[in-house]
Amino acid sequence: KKNINKMKTVTFIFVLLAAVCAIFAYVPPNYVPSPGRRPFPTFPGHGPFNPKIKWPYPLLR
């Protein structure tokens, strides 16, 4: 019983140390948009990938 408790204690200390090292090693990502980049168009008729639909459009072709 004494050997199991010692192993659990050593494992707990090791996991705690690994968690502290992971916290200190974490570097948050910094997203800096490039100045020449435009945002993707989100409404119809704005940009080449989002064409405006002519109204009324034919339902059957």
PDB file of N, CA and C in Angstrom:
ATOM      1  N   LYS A   1       0.835  -1.202   0.000  1.00  0.00           N
ATOM      2  CA  LYS A   1       0.000   0.000   0.000  1.00  0.00           C
ATOM      3  C   LYS A   1       0.873   1.257   0.000  1.00  0.00           C
ATOM      4  N   LYS A   2       1.984   1.209   0.711  1.00  0.00           N
ATOM      5  CA  LYS A   2       2.874   2.365   0.809  1.00  0.00           C
ATOM      6  C   LYS A   2       3.504   2.683  -0.549  1.00  0.00           C
ATOM      7  N   ASN A   3       3.827   1.635  -1.317  1.00  0.00           N
ATOM      8  CA  ASN A   3       4.467   1.822  -2.617  1.00  0.00           C
ATOM      9  C   ASN A   3       3.509   2.473  -3.622  1.00  0.00           C
ATOM     10  N   ILE A   4       2.214   2.101  -3.569  1.00  0.00           N
ATOM     11  CA  ILE A   4       1.210   2.675  -4.474  1.00  0.00           C
ATOM     12  C   ILE A   4       1.023   4.160  -4.178  1.00  0.00           C
ATOM     13  N   ASN A   5       0.958   4.513  -2.897  1.00  0.00           N
ATOM     14  CA  ASN A   5       0.783   5.920  -2.533  1.00  0.00           C
ATOM     15  C   ASN A   5       1.983   6.753  -2.965  1.00  0.00           C
ATOM     16  N   LYS A   6       3.167   6.205  -2.853  1.00  0.00           N
ATOM     17  CA  LYS A   6       4.372   6.925  -3.279  1.00  0.00           C
ATOM     18  C   LYS A   6       4.348   7.133  -4.791  1.00  0.00           C
ATOM     19  N   MET A   7       3.904   6.109  -5.548  1.00  0.00           N
ATOM     20  CA  MET A   7       3.840   6.222  -6.997  1.00  0.00           C
ATOM     21  C   MET A   7       2.797   7.271  -7.408  1.00  0.00           C
ATOM     22  N   LYS A   8       1.658   7.287  -6.720  1.00  0.00           N
ATOM     23  CA  LYS A   8       0.625   8.282  -7.013  1.00  0.00           C
ATOM     24  C   LYS A   8       1.129   9.694  -6.722  1.00  0.00           C
ATOM     25  N   THR A   9       1.859   9.855  -5.640  1.00  0.00           N
ATOM     26  CA  THR A   9       2.398  11.168  -5.286  1.00  0.00           C
ATOM     27  C   THR A   9       3.407  11.645  -6.319  1.00  0.00           C
ATOM     28  N   VAL A  10       4.297  10.767  -6.739  1.00  0.00           N
ATOM     29  CA  VAL A  10       5.301  11.142  -7.740  1.00  0.00           C
ATOM     30  C   VAL A  10       4.626  11.469  -9.071  1.00  0.00           C
ATOM     31  N   THR A  11       3.622  10.689  -9.449  1.00  0.00           N
ATOM     32  CA  THR A  11       2.890  10.959 -10.696  1.00  0.00           C
ATOM     33  C   THR A  11       2.173  12.302 -10.621  1.00  0.00           C
ATOM     34  N   PHE A  12       1.551  12.593  -9.478  1.00  0.00           N
ATOM     35  CA  PHE A  12       0.847  13.864  -9.317  1.00  0.00           C
ATOM     36  C   PHE A  12       1.810  15.043  -9.431  1.00  0.00           C
ATOM     37  N   ILE A  13       2.957  14.946  -8.794  1.00  0.00           N
ATOM     38  CA  ILE A  13       3.945  16.029  -8.854  1.00  0.00           C
ATOM     39  C   ILE A  13       4.457  16.200 -10.283  1.00  0.00           C
ATOM     40  N   PHE A  14       4.690  15.092 -10.979  1.00  0.00           N
ATOM     41  CA  PHE A  14       5.167  15.168 -12.358  1.00  0.00           C
ATOM     42  C   PHE A  14       4.128  15.827 -13.270  1.00  0.00           C
ATOM     43  N   VAL A  15       2.856  15.441 -13.126  1.00  0.00           N
ATOM     44  CA  VAL A  15       1.794  16.031 -13.947  1.00  0.00           C
ATOM     45  C   VAL A  15       1.632  17.513 -13.619  1.00  0.00           C
ATOM     46  N   LEU A  16       1.732  17.864 -12.355  1.00  0.00           N
ATOM     47  CA  LEU A  16       1.633  19.266 -11.958  1.00  0.00           C
ATOM     48  C   LEU A  16       2.775  20.086 -12.549  1.00  0.00           C
ATOM     49  N   LEU A  17       3.978  19.550 -12.510  1.00  0.00           N
ATOM     50  CA  LEU A  17       5.129  20.235 -13.098  1.00  0.00           C
ATOM     51  C   LEU A  17       4.972  20.381 -14.611  1.00  0.00           C
ATOM     52  N   ALA A  18       4.475  19.342 -15.268  1.00  0.00           N
ATOM     53  CA  ALA A  18       4.254  19.415 -16.717  1.00  0.00           C
ATOM     54  C   ALA A  18       3.202  20.465 -17.059  1.00  0.00           C
ATOM     55  N   ALA A  19       2.148  20.574 -16.244  1.00  0.00           N
ATOM     56  CA  ALA A  19       1.109  21.574 -16.486  1.00  0.00           C
ATOM     57  C   ALA A  19       1.658  22.986 -16.312  1.00  0.00           C
ATOM     58  N   VAL A  20       2.478  23.200 -15.300  1.00  0.00           N
ATOM     59  CA  VAL A  20       3.074  24.524 -15.083  1.00  0.00           C
ATOM     60  C   VAL A  20       4.003  24.884 -16.241  1.00  0.00           C
ATOM     61  N   CYS A  21       4.783  23.915 -16.709  1.00  0.00           N
ATOM     62  CA  CYS A  21       5.667  24.172 -17.861  1.00  0.00           C
ATOM     63  C   CYS A  21       4.859  24.503 -19.107  1.00  0.00           C
ATOM     64  N   ALA A  22       3.737  23.807 -19.312  1.00  0.00           N
ATOM     65  CA  ALA A  22       2.893  24.074 -20.478  1.00  0.00           C
ATOM     66  C   ALA A  22       2.275  25.466 -20.403  1.00  0.00           C
ATOM     67  N   ILE A  23       1.894  25.888 -19.202  1.00  0.00           N
ATOM     68  CA  ILE A  23       1.315  27.231 -19.046  1.00  0.00           C
ATOM     69  C   ILE A  23       2.353  28.304 -19.363  1.00  0.00           C
ATOM     70  N   PHE A  24       3.572  28.121 -18.893  1.00  0.00           N
ATOM     71  CA  PHE A  24       4.614  29.120 -19.154  1.00  0.00           C
ATOM     72  C   PHE A  24       5.103  29.087 -20.598  1.00  0.00           C
ATOM     73  N   ALA A  25       4.988  27.943 -21.258  1.00  0.00           N
ATOM     74  CA  ALA A  25       5.475  27.829 -22.634  1.00  0.00           C
ATOM     75  C   ALA A  25       4.455  28.311 -23.655  1.00  0.00           C
ATOM     76  N   TYR A  26       3.198  28.504 -23.249  1.00  0.00           N
ATOM     77  CA  TYR A  26       2.149  28.892 -24.195  1.00  0.00           C
ATOM     78  C   TYR A  26       2.352  30.325 -24.659  1.00  0.00           C
ATOM     79  N   VAL A  27       2.323  30.501 -25.970  1.00  0.00           N
ATOM     80  CA  VAL A  27       2.412  31.830 -26.572  1.00  0.00           C
ATOM     81  C   VAL A  27       1.140  32.030 -27.385  1.00  0.00           C
ATOM     82  N   PRO A  28       0.319  33.013 -27.043  1.00  0.00           N
ATOM     83  CA  PRO A  28      -0.925  33.200 -27.786  1.00  0.00           C
ATOM     84  C   PRO A  28      -0.641  33.641 -29.221  1.00  0.00           C
ATOM     85  N   PRO A  29      -1.410  33.137 -30.176  1.00  0.00           N
ATOM     86  CA  PRO A  29      -1.192  33.534 -31.573  1.00  0.00           C
ATOM     87  C   PRO A  29      -1.622  34.978 -31.794  1.00  0.00           C
ATOM     88  N   ASN A  30      -0.846  35.693 -32.573  1.00  0.00           N
ATOM     89  CA  ASN A  30      -1.205  37.074 -32.891  1.00  0.00           C
ATOM     90  C   ASN A  30      -1.567  37.142 -34.374  1.00  0.00           C
ATOM     91  N   TYR A  31      -2.822  37.476 -34.615  1.00  0.00           N
ATOM     92  CA  TYR A  31      -3.323  37.579 -35.979  1.00  0.00           C
ATOM     93  C   TYR A  31      -3.276  39.038 -36.406  1.00  0.00           C
ATOM     94  N   VAL A  32      -2.337  39.362 -37.275  1.00  0.00           N
ATOM     95  CA  VAL A  32      -2.216  40.720 -37.787  1.00  0.00           C
ATOM     96  C   VAL A  32      -2.575  40.667 -39.265  1.00  0.00           C
ATOM     97  N   PRO A  33      -3.701  41.252 -39.656  1.00  0.00           N
ATOM     98  CA  PRO A  33      -4.062  41.218 -41.074  1.00  0.00           C
ATOM     99  C   PRO A  33      -3.100  42.064 -41.894  1.00  0.00           C
ATOM    100  N   SER A  34      -2.755  41.550 -43.050  1.00  0.00           N
ATOM    101  CA  SER A  34      -1.844  42.299 -43.911  1.00  0.00           C
ATOM    102  C   SER A  34      -2.568  43.520 -44.475  1.00  0.00           C
ATOM    103  N   PRO A  35      -1.857  44.614 -44.718  1.00  0.00           N
ATOM    104  CA  PRO A  35      -2.527  45.846 -45.146  1.00  0.00           C
ATOM    105  C   PRO A  35      -3.148  45.745 -46.533  1.00  0.00           C
ATOM    106  N   GLY A  36      -2.602  44.917 -47.425  1.00  0.00           N
ATOM    107  CA  GLY A  36      -3.142  44.823 -48.773  1.00  0.00           C
ATOM    108  C   GLY A  36      -4.306  43.874 -48.900  1.00  0.00           C
ATOM    109  N   ARG A  37      -4.653  43.185 -47.858  1.00  0.00           N
ATOM    110  CA  ARG A  37      -5.708  42.169 -47.916  1.00  0.00           C
ATOM    111  C   ARG A  37      -7.069  42.804 -47.651  1.00  0.00           C
ATOM    112  N   ARG A  38      -8.007  42.535 -48.553  1.00  0.00           N
ATOM    113  CA  ARG A  38      -9.365  43.031 -48.355  1.00  0.00           C
ATOM    114  C   ARG A  38     -10.227  41.920 -47.769  1.00  0.00           C
ATOM    115  N   PRO A  39     -11.234  42.249 -46.992  1.00  0.00           N
ATOM    116  CA  PRO A  39     -12.105  41.205 -46.443  1.00  0.00           C
ATOM    117  C   PRO A  39     -12.938  40.553 -47.533  1.00  0.00           C
ATOM    118  N   PHE A  40     -13.334  39.318 -47.303  1.00  0.00           N
ATOM    119  CA  PHE A  40     -14.138  38.589 -48.277  1.00  0.00           C
ATOM    120  C   PHE A  40     -15.522  39.215 -48.354  1.00  0.00           C
ATOM    121  N   PRO A  41     -16.078  39.366 -49.565  1.00  0.00           N
ATOM    122  CA  PRO A  41     -17.403  39.992 -49.694  1.00  0.00           C
ATOM    123  C   PRO A  41     -18.484  39.135 -49.047  1.00  0.00           C
ATOM    124  N   THR A  42     -19.416  39.787 -48.389  1.00  0.00           N
ATOM    125  CA  THR A  42     -20.462  39.054 -47.676  1.00  0.00           C
ATOM    126  C   THR A  42     -21.853  39.352 -48.202  1.00  0.00           C
ATOM    127  N   PHE A  43     -22.005  40.272 -49.133  1.00  0.00           N
ATOM    128  CA  PHE A  43     -23.337  40.545 -49.661  1.00  0.00           C
ATOM    129  C   PHE A  43     -23.299  40.446 -51.183  1.00  0.00           C
ATOM    130  N   PRO A  44     -24.427  40.110 -51.819  1.00  0.00           N
ATOM    131  CA  PRO A  44     -24.455  39.898 -53.271  1.00  0.00           C
ATOM    132  C   PRO A  44     -24.062  41.143 -54.047  1.00  0.00           C
ATOM    133  N   GLY A  45     -23.308  40.930 -55.108  1.00  0.00           N
ATOM    134  CA  GLY A  45     -22.900  42.023 -55.969  1.00  0.00           C
ATOM    135  C   GLY A  45     -21.611  42.681 -55.548  1.00  0.00           C
ATOM    136  N   HIS A  46     -20.959  42.162 -54.532  1.00  0.00           N
ATOM    137  CA  HIS A  46     -19.718  42.768 -54.047  1.00  0.00           C
ATOM    138  C   HIS A  46     -18.601  41.756 -54.198  1.00  0.00           C
ATOM    139  N   GLY A  47     -17.766  41.926 -55.186  1.00  0.00           N
ATOM    140  CA  GLY A  47     -16.630  41.034 -55.372  1.00  0.00           C
ATOM    141  C   GLY A  47     -16.862  39.989 -56.454  1.00  0.00           C
ATOM    142  N   PRO A  48     -15.773  39.387 -56.964  1.00  0.00           N
ATOM    143  CA  PRO A  48     -15.885  38.445 -58.076  1.00  0.00           C
ATOM    144  C   PRO A  48     -16.448  37.081 -57.675  1.00  0.00           C
ATOM    145  N   PHE A  49     -16.400  36.718 -56.393  1.00  0.00           N
ATOM    146  CA  PHE A  49     -16.864  35.398 -55.974  1.00  0.00           C
ATOM    147  C   PHE A  49     -18.297  35.419 -55.468  1.00  0.00           C
ATOM    148  N   ASN A  50     -18.931  36.557 -55.492  1.00  0.00           N
ATOM    149  CA  ASN A  50     -20.283  36.686 -54.966  1.00  0.00           C
ATOM    150  C   ASN A  50     -21.103  37.501 -55.959  1.00  0.00           C
ATOM    151  N   PRO A  51     -21.448  36.914 -57.112  1.00  0.00           N
ATOM    152  CA  PRO A  51     -22.096  37.705 -58.162  1.00  0.00           C
ATOM    153  C   PRO A  51     -23.526  38.097 -57.794  1.00  0.00           C
ATOM    154  N   LYS A  52     -23.944  39.214 -58.346  1.00  0.00           N
ATOM    155  CA  LYS A  52     -25.306  39.678 -58.119  1.00  0.00           C
ATOM    156  C   LYS A  52     -26.249  38.879 -59.011  1.00  0.00           C
ATOM    157  N   ILE A  53     -27.364  38.441 -58.457  1.00  0.00           N
ATOM    158  CA  ILE A  53     -28.357  37.680 -59.216  1.00  0.00           C
ATOM    159  C   ILE A  53     -29.297  38.677 -59.883  1.00  0.00           C
ATOM    160  N   LYS A  54     -29.503  38.507 -61.190  1.00  0.00           N
ATOM    161  CA  LYS A  54     -30.424  39.387 -61.921  1.00  0.00           C
ATOM    162  C   LYS A  54     -31.856  39.013 -61.541  1.00  0.00           C
ATOM    163  N   TRP A  55     -32.651  40.010 -61.241  1.00  0.00           N
ATOM    164  CA  TRP A  55     -34.021  39.756 -60.822  1.00  0.00           C
ATOM    165  C   TRP A  55     -34.976  40.258 -61.879  1.00  0.00           C
ATOM    166  N   PRO A  56     -35.998  39.553 -62.274  1.00  0.00           N
ATOM    167  CA  PRO A  56     -36.352  38.203 -61.844  1.00  0.00           C
ATOM    168  C   PRO A  56     -35.521  37.168 -62.595  1.00  0.00           C
ATOM    169  N   TYR A  57     -35.091  36.157 -61.930  1.00  0.00           N
ATOM    170  CA  TYR A  57     -34.287  35.128 -62.582  1.00  0.00           C
ATOM    171  C   TYR A  57     -35.190  33.978 -63.016  1.00  0.00           C
ATOM    172  N   PRO A  58     -34.860  33.336 -64.130  1.00  0.00           N
ATOM    173  CA  PRO A  58     -35.716  32.241 -64.622  1.00  0.00           C
ATOM    174  C   PRO A  58     -35.620  31.014 -63.710  1.00  0.00           C
ATOM    175  N   LEU A  59     -36.779  30.448 -63.382  1.00  0.00           N
ATOM    176  CA  LEU A  59     -36.799  29.277 -62.515  1.00  0.00           C
ATOM    177  C   LEU A  59     -36.476  28.004 -63.287  1.00  0.00           C
ATOM    178  N   LEU A  60     -36.901  27.940 -64.545  1.00  0.00           N
ATOM    179  CA  LEU A  60     -36.652  26.754 -65.362  1.00  0.00           C
ATOM    180  C   LEU A  60     -35.733  27.115 -66.508  1.00  0.00           C
ATOM    181  N   ARG A  61     -34.830  26.235 -66.817  1.00  0.00           N
ATOM    182  CA  ARG A  61     -33.934  26.482 -67.948  1.00  0.00           C
ATOM    183  C   ARG A  61     -34.157  25.446 -69.003  1.00  0.00           C
TER     184      ARG A  61
END
